[in-house]
Amino acid sequence: ALKHLGRAEHFYRHEMTAGQKAEVVYFKARCLEMMGHPLEAARLYEYLIGSHPGTEYSARARGRIEEIHQTRTNPPAPALPTAPPVQ
């Protein structure tokens, strides 16, 4: 998905509105998060906030940055091992 978003951004950059560009950047950052690269995603969110302030996606990016920060400072507890099923 990340590769396809990059291609779309490259090929249609002159035809896209500011809102569409912000959307592509936002979803590229989301892909990075899902791939396990939260710091790279946060940098892209920061770029989005600076380059497209006031858009719906810059507001969403602020929320994602906050969540990344909270996750990094308060990592989720490890899952408890499960007991084997009783027969």
N, C-alpha and C. Protein backbone atom coordinates (compact mmCIF):
# COMPACT_ATOMS: atom_id res chain seq x y z
N ALA A 1 0.83 -1.19 0.00
CA ALA A 1 0.00 0.00 0.00
C ALA A 1 0.87 1.25 0.00
N LEU A 2 1.95 1.20 0.78
CA LEU A 2 2.84 2.35 0.87
C LEU A 2 3.44 2.69 -0.49
N LYS A 3 3.82 1.67 -1.22
CA LYS A 3 4.40 1.85 -2.55
C LYS A 3 3.38 2.49 -3.51
N HIS A 4 2.15 2.01 -3.44
CA HIS A 4 1.09 2.54 -4.32
C HIS A 4 0.75 3.99 -3.98
N LEU A 5 0.75 4.32 -2.69
CA LEU A 5 0.49 5.71 -2.31
C LEU A 5 1.60 6.62 -2.81
N GLY A 6 2.84 6.15 -2.72
CA GLY A 6 3.96 6.94 -3.23
C GLY A 6 3.87 7.17 -4.72
N ARG A 7 3.46 6.14 -5.44
CA ARG A 7 3.30 6.28 -6.89
C ARG A 7 2.19 7.27 -7.23
N ALA A 8 1.07 7.14 -6.55
CA ALA A 8 -0.06 8.05 -6.80
C ALA A 8 0.36 9.49 -6.51
N GLU A 9 1.07 9.67 -5.41
CA GLU A 9 1.53 11.00 -5.03
C GLU A 9 2.45 11.57 -6.11
N HIS A 10 3.32 10.74 -6.64
CA HIS A 10 4.27 11.19 -7.67
C HIS A 10 3.57 11.52 -8.99
N PHE A 11 2.75 10.60 -9.48
CA PHE A 11 2.14 10.77 -10.80
C PHE A 11 1.04 11.83 -10.84
N TYR A 12 0.34 12.02 -9.73
CA TYR A 12 -0.80 12.95 -9.74
C TYR A 12 -0.54 14.21 -8.94
N ARG A 13 0.71 14.48 -8.57
CA ARG A 13 1.02 15.59 -7.67
C ARG A 13 0.54 16.94 -8.20
N HIS A 14 0.52 17.13 -9.52
CA HIS A 14 0.10 18.41 -10.08
C HIS A 14 -1.41 18.53 -10.19
N GLU A 15 -2.11 17.41 -10.09
CA GLU A 15 -3.56 17.41 -10.23
C GLU A 15 -4.28 17.31 -8.89
N MET A 16 -3.54 16.99 -7.84
CA MET A 16 -4.17 16.77 -6.53
C MET A 16 -4.39 18.09 -5.80
N THR A 17 -5.50 18.15 -5.08
CA THR A 17 -5.77 19.30 -4.23
C THR A 17 -4.91 19.18 -2.97
N ALA A 18 -4.82 20.25 -2.20
CA ALA A 18 -4.07 20.23 -0.95
C ALA A 18 -4.65 19.18 0.00
N GLY A 19 -5.96 19.06 0.02
CA GLY A 19 -6.59 18.06 0.87
C GLY A 19 -6.25 16.64 0.45
N GLN A 20 -6.18 16.40 -0.84
CA GLN A 20 -5.81 15.08 -1.33
C GLN A 20 -4.35 14.76 -1.03
N LYS A 21 -3.48 15.76 -1.15
CA LYS A 21 -2.08 15.56 -0.81
C LYS A 21 -1.93 15.23 0.67
N ALA A 22 -2.67 15.95 1.51
CA ALA A 22 -2.63 15.69 2.95
C ALA A 22 -3.12 14.27 3.24
N GLU A 23 -4.14 13.85 2.54
CA GLU A 23 -4.68 12.50 2.73
C GLU A 23 -3.64 11.43 2.39
N VAL A 24 -2.93 11.62 1.29
CA VAL A 24 -1.91 10.65 0.88
C VAL A 24 -0.80 10.59 1.94
N VAL A 25 -0.35 11.75 2.41
CA VAL A 25 0.72 11.77 3.42
C VAL A 25 0.23 11.08 4.70
N TYR A 26 -1.01 11.35 5.08
CA TYR A 26 -1.56 10.73 6.30
C TYR A 26 -1.56 9.21 6.17
N PHE A 27 -2.04 8.70 5.06
CA PHE A 27 -2.12 7.24 4.91
C PHE A 27 -0.75 6.60 4.70
N LYS A 28 0.22 7.34 4.16
CA LYS A 28 1.58 6.82 4.13
C LYS A 28 2.09 6.65 5.56
N ALA A 29 1.83 7.62 6.41
CA ALA A 29 2.26 7.53 7.81
C ALA A 29 1.55 6.39 8.52
N ARG A 30 0.27 6.21 8.26
CA ARG A 30 -0.47 5.09 8.87
C ARG A 30 0.14 3.76 8.45
N CYS A 31 0.50 3.64 7.18
CA CYS A 31 1.15 2.41 6.71
C CYS A 31 2.45 2.17 7.47
N LEU A 32 3.23 3.22 7.65
CA LEU A 32 4.48 3.07 8.39
C LEU A 32 4.21 2.60 9.82
N GLU A 33 3.18 3.14 10.44
CA GLU A 33 2.82 2.69 11.80
C GLU A 33 2.50 1.20 11.80
N MET A 34 1.68 0.79 10.87
CA MET A 34 1.25 -0.61 10.82
C MET A 34 2.41 -1.55 10.49
N MET A 35 3.42 -1.01 9.85
CA MET A 35 4.60 -1.81 9.52
C MET A 35 5.58 -1.84 10.69
N GLY A 36 5.25 -1.16 11.78
CA GLY A 36 6.12 -1.18 12.96
C GLY A 36 7.19 -0.10 12.97
N HIS A 37 6.94 1.02 12.28
CA HIS A 37 7.89 2.12 12.23
C HIS A 37 7.25 3.41 12.77
N PRO A 38 6.94 3.43 14.06
CA PRO A 38 6.22 4.59 14.61
C PRO A 38 6.99 5.90 14.56
N LEU A 39 8.31 5.87 14.72
CA LEU A 39 9.07 7.12 14.68
C LEU A 39 9.10 7.72 13.29
N GLU A 40 9.21 6.88 12.27
CA GLU A 40 9.15 7.37 10.90
C GLU A 40 7.76 7.94 10.61
N ALA A 41 6.75 7.26 11.12
CA ALA A 41 5.37 7.74 10.94
C ALA A 41 5.20 9.09 11.62
N ALA A 42 5.73 9.23 12.83
CA ALA A 42 5.61 10.49 13.55
C ALA A 42 6.26 11.63 12.79
N ARG A 43 7.41 11.37 12.17
CA ARG A 43 8.06 12.42 11.37
C ARG A 43 7.19 12.82 10.19
N LEU A 44 6.54 11.85 9.57
CA LEU A 44 5.65 12.16 8.45
C LEU A 44 4.42 12.93 8.93
N TYR A 45 3.90 12.57 10.10
CA TYR A 45 2.78 13.33 10.67
C TYR A 45 3.18 14.77 10.95
N GLU A 46 4.40 14.96 11.48
CA GLU A 46 4.88 16.32 11.74
C GLU A 46 4.98 17.11 10.44
N TYR A 47 5.47 16.47 9.40
CA TYR A 47 5.53 17.11 8.09
C TYR A 47 4.13 17.51 7.63
N LEU A 48 3.18 16.60 7.78
CA LEU A 48 1.80 16.85 7.38
C LEU A 48 1.23 18.05 8.12
N ILE A 49 1.44 18.11 9.41
CA ILE A 49 0.93 19.22 10.22
C ILE A 49 1.53 20.54 9.76
N GLY A 50 2.82 20.54 9.45
CA GLY A 50 3.48 21.76 9.01
C GLY A 50 3.12 22.18 7.59
N SER A 51 2.93 21.20 6.72
CA SER A 51 2.69 21.53 5.31
C SER A 51 1.21 21.70 4.96
N HIS A 52 0.32 21.13 5.76
CA HIS A 52 -1.11 21.22 5.48
C HIS A 52 -1.89 21.55 6.76
N PRO A 53 -1.54 22.67 7.42
CA PRO A 53 -2.23 23.00 8.66
C PRO A 53 -3.71 23.29 8.41
N GLY A 54 -4.51 22.97 9.38
CA GLY A 54 -5.93 23.27 9.27
C GLY A 54 -6.74 22.25 8.49
N THR A 55 -6.10 21.21 7.97
CA THR A 55 -6.86 20.19 7.25
C THR A 55 -7.34 19.12 8.23
N GLU A 56 -8.31 18.37 7.81
CA GLU A 56 -8.81 17.25 8.60
C GLU A 56 -7.67 16.28 8.92
N TYR A 57 -6.79 16.08 7.96
CA TYR A 57 -5.72 15.11 8.16
C TYR A 57 -4.62 15.62 9.08
N SER A 58 -4.43 16.94 9.15
CA SER A 58 -3.45 17.44 10.13
C SER A 58 -4.00 17.26 11.54
N ALA A 59 -5.31 17.40 11.70
CA ALA A 59 -5.93 17.15 13.02
C ALA A 59 -5.79 15.68 13.39
N ARG A 60 -6.02 14.80 12.44
CA ARG A 60 -5.86 13.37 12.69
C ARG A 60 -4.40 13.04 13.02
N ALA A 61 -3.48 13.69 12.32
CA ALA A 61 -2.06 13.46 12.55
C ALA A 61 -1.67 13.84 13.98
N ARG A 62 -2.22 14.93 14.49
CA ARG A 62 -1.94 15.31 15.88
C ARG A 62 -2.36 14.20 16.84
N GLY A 63 -3.51 13.61 16.60
CA GLY A 63 -3.99 12.52 17.43
C GLY A 63 -3.10 11.30 17.34
N ARG A 64 -2.62 10.99 16.14
CA ARG A 64 -1.74 9.84 15.96
C ARG A 64 -0.41 10.06 16.66
N ILE A 65 0.12 11.29 16.59
CA ILE A 65 1.38 11.59 17.27
C ILE A 65 1.22 11.40 18.78
N GLU A 66 0.12 11.87 19.30
CA GLU A 66 -0.14 11.71 20.73
C GLU A 66 -0.22 10.23 21.10
N GLU A 67 -0.89 9.45 20.29
CA GLU A 67 -1.00 8.02 20.57
C GLU A 67 0.36 7.33 20.48
N ILE A 68 1.17 7.70 19.50
CA ILE A 68 2.51 7.13 19.38
C ILE A 68 3.32 7.47 20.62
N HIS A 69 3.23 8.73 21.05
CA HIS A 69 3.97 9.17 22.23
C HIS A 69 3.52 8.38 23.47
N GLN A 70 2.22 8.22 23.64
CA GLN A 70 1.70 7.49 24.80
C GLN A 70 2.14 6.02 24.76
N THR A 71 2.12 5.43 23.60
CA THR A 71 2.51 4.03 23.47
C THR A 71 3.99 3.85 23.79
N ARG A 72 4.80 4.82 23.36
CA ARG A 72 6.24 4.71 23.62
C ARG A 72 6.58 4.96 25.08
N THR A 73 5.81 5.81 25.76
CA THR A 73 6.10 6.09 27.17
C THR A 73 5.40 5.10 28.09
N ASN A 74 4.31 4.51 27.65
CA ASN A 74 3.57 3.51 28.43
C ASN A 74 3.28 2.31 27.55
N PRO A 75 4.30 1.48 27.27
CA PRO A 75 4.05 0.35 26.38
C PRO A 75 3.02 -0.59 26.97
N PRO A 76 2.24 -1.24 26.11
CA PRO A 76 1.22 -2.17 26.61
C PRO A 76 1.87 -3.32 27.37
N ALA A 77 1.16 -3.82 28.36
CA ALA A 77 1.67 -4.95 29.13
C ALA A 77 1.75 -6.17 28.24
N PRO A 78 2.77 -7.01 28.48
CA PRO A 78 2.86 -8.23 27.66
C PRO A 78 1.66 -9.13 27.91
N ALA A 79 1.29 -9.85 26.90
CA ALA A 79 0.15 -10.75 27.01
C ALA A 79 0.48 -11.88 27.97
N LEU A 80 -0.48 -12.25 28.75
CA LEU A 80 -0.29 -13.36 29.68
C LEU A 80 -0.36 -14.67 28.92
N PRO A 81 0.47 -15.62 29.31
CA PRO A 81 0.39 -16.92 28.61
C PRO A 81 -0.96 -17.58 28.90
N THR A 82 -1.44 -18.29 27.95
CA THR A 82 -2.71 -18.96 28.11
C THR A 82 -2.47 -20.43 28.48
N ALA A 83 -3.35 -20.93 29.28
CA ALA A 83 -3.23 -22.34 29.69
C ALA A 83 -3.73 -23.24 28.56
N PRO A 84 -3.17 -24.41 28.45
CA PRO A 84 -3.66 -25.32 27.41
C PRO A 84 -5.11 -25.71 27.72
N PRO A 85 -5.88 -26.02 26.71
CA PRO A 85 -7.29 -26.38 26.95
C PRO A 85 -7.39 -27.67 27.78
N VAL A 86 -8.37 -27.67 28.65
CA VAL A 86 -8.63 -28.84 29.49
C VAL A 86 -9.50 -29.80 28.70
N GLN A 87 -9.12 -31.08 28.74
CA GLN A 87 -9.90 -32.07 27.98
C GLN A 87 -10.67 -32.95 28.86
